[in-house]
Amino acid sequence: MRADLIKEPTGQYKFASAAILVDPQTLVTNRQSYGLLDYLGDIGGLIDALRYLTMIIFSPYFNFNYQNSLLKSLFRSRSE
């Protein structure tokens, strides 16, 4: 025997239900991003941080050029 789910909503054949509630209030979220350069600028170390970062990136290139110039000066051929 089948239960009438309109008269008795807790009948044995009920397996799912959904309720849709409309809320007239609107939730607005504002988001801001805060980057590493902004943080370093706020603490006052932006210029120093960029200088150290540049030194770290370019130090292998400068060391190679320095060692290359030393080797050239040590093993320069002499013309007599």
N, C-alpha and C. Protein backbone atom coordinates (compact mmCIF):
# COMPACT_ATOMS: atom_id res chain seq x y z
N MET A 1 0.84 -1.17 0.00
CA MET A 1 0.00 0.00 0.00
C MET A 1 0.89 1.23 0.00
N ARG A 2 0.58 2.16 -0.85
CA ARG A 2 1.41 3.34 -1.02
C ARG A 2 0.91 4.46 -0.13
N ALA A 3 1.85 5.18 0.53
CA ALA A 3 1.46 6.27 1.43
C ALA A 3 1.24 7.54 0.62
N ASP A 4 0.30 8.35 1.02
CA ASP A 4 0.05 9.64 0.37
C ASP A 4 1.03 10.65 0.98
N LEU A 5 2.04 11.03 0.20
CA LEU A 5 3.11 11.89 0.74
C LEU A 5 2.68 13.33 0.93
N ILE A 6 1.59 13.76 0.31
CA ILE A 6 1.11 15.12 0.53
C ILE A 6 0.44 15.22 1.90
N LYS A 7 -0.35 14.21 2.25
CA LYS A 7 -1.01 14.23 3.55
C LYS A 7 -0.06 13.84 4.67
N GLU A 8 0.79 12.91 4.39
CA GLU A 8 1.74 12.43 5.40
C GLU A 8 3.16 12.49 4.81
N PRO A 9 3.88 13.62 5.00
CA PRO A 9 5.20 13.78 4.36
C PRO A 9 6.28 12.86 4.90
N THR A 10 6.03 12.21 6.00
CA THR A 10 7.03 11.30 6.55
C THR A 10 6.72 9.85 6.18
N GLY A 11 6.10 9.64 5.05
CA GLY A 11 5.75 8.30 4.61
C GLY A 11 6.96 7.47 4.30
N GLN A 12 6.76 6.16 4.09
CA GLN A 12 7.90 5.27 3.95
C GLN A 12 8.58 5.37 2.59
N TYR A 13 7.95 5.97 1.58
CA TYR A 13 8.57 6.07 0.26
C TYR A 13 9.31 7.37 0.04
N LYS A 14 9.39 8.21 1.04
CA LYS A 14 10.09 9.48 0.89
C LYS A 14 11.59 9.23 1.09
N PHE A 15 12.38 9.62 0.12
CA PHE A 15 13.82 9.42 0.25
C PHE A 15 14.61 10.70 0.12
N ALA A 16 14.02 11.78 -0.35
CA ALA A 16 14.75 13.04 -0.45
C ALA A 16 13.76 14.18 -0.49
N SER A 17 14.22 15.35 -0.06
CA SER A 17 13.41 16.55 -0.15
C SER A 17 14.34 17.74 -0.30
N ALA A 18 13.80 18.83 -0.81
CA ALA A 18 14.58 20.05 -0.98
C ALA A 18 13.72 21.23 -0.61
N ALA A 19 14.33 22.20 0.06
CA ALA A 19 13.63 23.43 0.42
C ALA A 19 14.44 24.59 -0.12
N ILE A 20 13.80 25.47 -0.86
CA ILE A 20 14.47 26.63 -1.42
C ILE A 20 13.94 27.86 -0.70
N LEU A 21 14.83 28.53 0.01
CA LEU A 21 14.47 29.72 0.76
C LEU A 21 15.09 30.93 0.07
N VAL A 22 14.29 31.94 -0.18
CA VAL A 22 14.79 33.15 -0.81
C VAL A 22 15.02 34.19 0.28
N ASP A 23 16.25 34.67 0.36
CA ASP A 23 16.62 35.65 1.37
C ASP A 23 16.79 37.00 0.67
N PRO A 24 16.08 38.03 1.10
CA PRO A 24 16.19 39.32 0.41
C PRO A 24 17.49 40.07 0.70
N GLN A 25 18.26 39.62 1.66
CA GLN A 25 19.52 40.29 1.97
C GLN A 25 20.61 39.83 1.01
N THR A 26 21.51 40.75 0.68
CA THR A 26 22.61 40.44 -0.22
C THR A 26 23.93 40.54 0.54
N LEU A 27 24.77 39.56 0.37
CA LEU A 27 26.07 39.54 1.01
C LEU A 27 27.12 39.98 -0.01
N VAL A 28 27.83 41.06 0.28
CA VAL A 28 28.85 41.59 -0.63
C VAL A 28 30.21 41.40 0.04
N THR A 29 31.12 40.80 -0.69
CA THR A 29 32.47 40.56 -0.19
C THR A 29 33.46 41.34 -1.03
N ASN A 30 34.27 42.17 -0.40
CA ASN A 30 35.34 42.90 -1.09
C ASN A 30 36.66 42.23 -0.76
N ARG A 31 37.47 42.04 -1.78
CA ARG A 31 38.74 41.35 -1.59
C ARG A 31 39.87 42.23 -2.10
N GLN A 32 40.95 42.27 -1.35
CA GLN A 32 42.15 42.98 -1.77
C GLN A 32 43.31 42.01 -1.75
N SER A 33 44.20 42.17 -2.70
CA SER A 33 45.39 41.33 -2.70
C SER A 33 46.56 42.14 -2.16
N TYR A 34 47.43 41.46 -1.48
CA TYR A 34 48.58 42.11 -0.84
C TYR A 34 49.80 41.30 -1.23
N GLY A 35 50.63 41.88 -2.07
CA GLY A 35 51.77 41.15 -2.59
C GLY A 35 53.03 41.35 -1.78
N LEU A 36 54.06 40.64 -2.21
CA LEU A 36 55.34 40.70 -1.52
C LEU A 36 55.97 42.08 -1.63
N LEU A 37 55.89 42.69 -2.81
CA LEU A 37 56.47 44.02 -2.98
C LEU A 37 55.73 45.06 -2.15
N ASP A 38 54.42 44.92 -2.01
CA ASP A 38 53.66 45.82 -1.15
C ASP A 38 54.10 45.68 0.30
N TYR A 39 54.29 44.43 0.73
CA TYR A 39 54.74 44.17 2.11
C TYR A 39 56.12 44.77 2.35
N LEU A 40 57.03 44.55 1.42
CA LEU A 40 58.39 45.09 1.61
C LEU A 40 58.37 46.61 1.57
N GLY A 41 57.50 47.20 0.76
CA GLY A 41 57.39 48.65 0.74
C GLY A 41 56.83 49.19 2.03
N ASP A 42 55.92 48.46 2.65
CA ASP A 42 55.34 48.91 3.91
C ASP A 42 56.34 48.85 5.06
N ILE A 43 57.21 47.84 5.04
CA ILE A 43 58.17 47.76 6.13
C ILE A 43 59.43 48.58 5.84
N GLY A 44 59.50 49.18 4.68
CA GLY A 44 60.60 50.09 4.39
C GLY A 44 61.82 49.45 3.78
N GLY A 45 61.74 48.22 3.36
CA GLY A 45 62.92 47.56 2.84
C GLY A 45 62.81 47.17 1.38
N LEU A 46 62.01 47.87 0.64
CA LEU A 46 61.80 47.49 -0.77
C LEU A 46 63.08 47.64 -1.58
N ILE A 47 63.76 48.75 -1.42
CA ILE A 47 64.98 49.00 -2.21
C ILE A 47 66.07 47.99 -1.84
N ASP A 48 66.24 47.74 -0.53
CA ASP A 48 67.25 46.76 -0.12
C ASP A 48 66.90 45.36 -0.59
N ALA A 49 65.64 45.00 -0.52
CA ALA A 49 65.24 43.67 -0.95
C ALA A 49 65.45 43.49 -2.45
N LEU A 50 65.13 44.50 -3.24
CA LEU A 50 65.36 44.41 -4.68
C LEU A 50 66.85 44.35 -5.00
N ARG A 51 67.65 45.07 -4.24
CA ARG A 51 69.10 45.05 -4.45
C ARG A 51 69.67 43.66 -4.15
N TYR A 52 69.25 43.07 -3.02
CA TYR A 52 69.74 41.73 -2.67
C TYR A 52 69.24 40.68 -3.65
N LEU A 53 68.02 40.81 -4.10
CA LEU A 53 67.47 39.88 -5.07
C LEU A 53 68.24 39.96 -6.39
N THR A 54 68.57 41.17 -6.82
CA THR A 54 69.36 41.35 -8.04
C THR A 54 70.75 40.77 -7.87
N MET A 55 71.36 40.96 -6.69
CA MET A 55 72.69 40.41 -6.45
C MET A 55 72.66 38.88 -6.50
N ILE A 56 71.61 38.27 -5.95
CA ILE A 56 71.52 36.82 -5.96
C ILE A 56 71.35 36.28 -7.38
N ILE A 57 70.55 36.98 -8.17
CA ILE A 57 70.28 36.51 -9.53
C ILE A 57 71.51 36.67 -10.42
N PHE A 58 72.20 37.80 -10.32
CA PHE A 58 73.31 38.08 -11.24
C PHE A 58 74.69 37.71 -10.72
N SER A 59 74.80 37.22 -9.49
CA SER A 59 76.12 36.90 -8.96
C SER A 59 76.83 35.79 -9.74
N PRO A 60 76.16 34.74 -10.21
CA PRO A 60 76.91 33.75 -11.02
C PRO A 60 77.51 34.35 -12.29
N TYR A 61 76.79 35.24 -12.92
CA TYR A 61 77.30 35.89 -14.13
C TYR A 61 78.52 36.75 -13.82
N PHE A 62 78.45 37.55 -12.75
CA PHE A 62 79.58 38.41 -12.40
C PHE A 62 80.79 37.59 -11.96
N ASN A 63 80.55 36.50 -11.21
CA ASN A 63 81.67 35.64 -10.80
C ASN A 63 82.34 34.99 -12.01
N PHE A 64 81.58 34.56 -12.98
CA PHE A 64 82.15 33.96 -14.18
C PHE A 64 83.01 34.98 -14.93
N ASN A 65 82.50 36.20 -15.07
CA ASN A 65 83.28 37.22 -15.77
C ASN A 65 84.56 37.57 -15.02
N TYR A 66 84.49 37.61 -13.71
CA TYR A 66 85.68 37.92 -12.91
C TYR A 66 86.72 36.80 -13.05
N GLN A 67 86.27 35.56 -12.93
CA GLN A 67 87.20 34.44 -13.06
C GLN A 67 87.77 34.35 -14.48
N ASN A 68 86.97 34.68 -15.46
CA ASN A 68 87.44 34.68 -16.83
C ASN A 68 88.53 35.73 -17.04
N SER A 69 88.34 36.91 -16.47
CA SER A 69 89.37 37.95 -16.62
C SER A 69 90.64 37.57 -15.88
N LEU A 70 90.52 36.91 -14.73
CA LEU A 70 91.73 36.46 -14.01
C LEU A 70 92.49 35.42 -14.83
N LEU A 71 91.77 34.48 -15.40
CA LEU A 71 92.44 33.46 -16.20
C LEU A 71 93.11 34.06 -17.44
N LYS A 72 92.49 35.04 -18.03
CA LYS A 72 93.11 35.70 -19.18
C LYS A 72 94.38 36.42 -18.79
N SER A 73 94.37 37.06 -17.61
CA SER A 73 95.57 37.77 -17.20
C SER A 73 96.68 36.82 -16.77
N LEU A 74 96.36 35.66 -16.25
CA LEU A 74 97.38 34.70 -15.84
C LEU A 74 98.01 33.98 -17.03
N PHE A 75 97.22 33.65 -18.02
CA PHE A 75 97.71 32.84 -19.12
C PHE A 75 97.74 33.62 -20.42
N ARG A 76 98.15 34.85 -20.35
CA ARG A 76 98.26 35.66 -21.56
C ARG A 76 99.54 35.24 -22.31
N SER A 77 99.40 35.11 -23.60
CA SER A 77 100.57 34.71 -24.38
C SER A 77 101.48 35.93 -24.58
N ARG A 78 102.75 35.68 -24.48
CA ARG A 78 103.72 36.76 -24.64
C ARG A 78 104.26 36.75 -26.04
N SER A 79 104.31 37.89 -26.62
CA SER A 79 104.90 37.99 -27.96
C SER A 79 106.28 38.61 -27.82
N GLU A 80 107.29 37.89 -28.21
CA GLU A 80 108.66 38.37 -28.06
C GLU A 80 109.29 38.69 -29.38
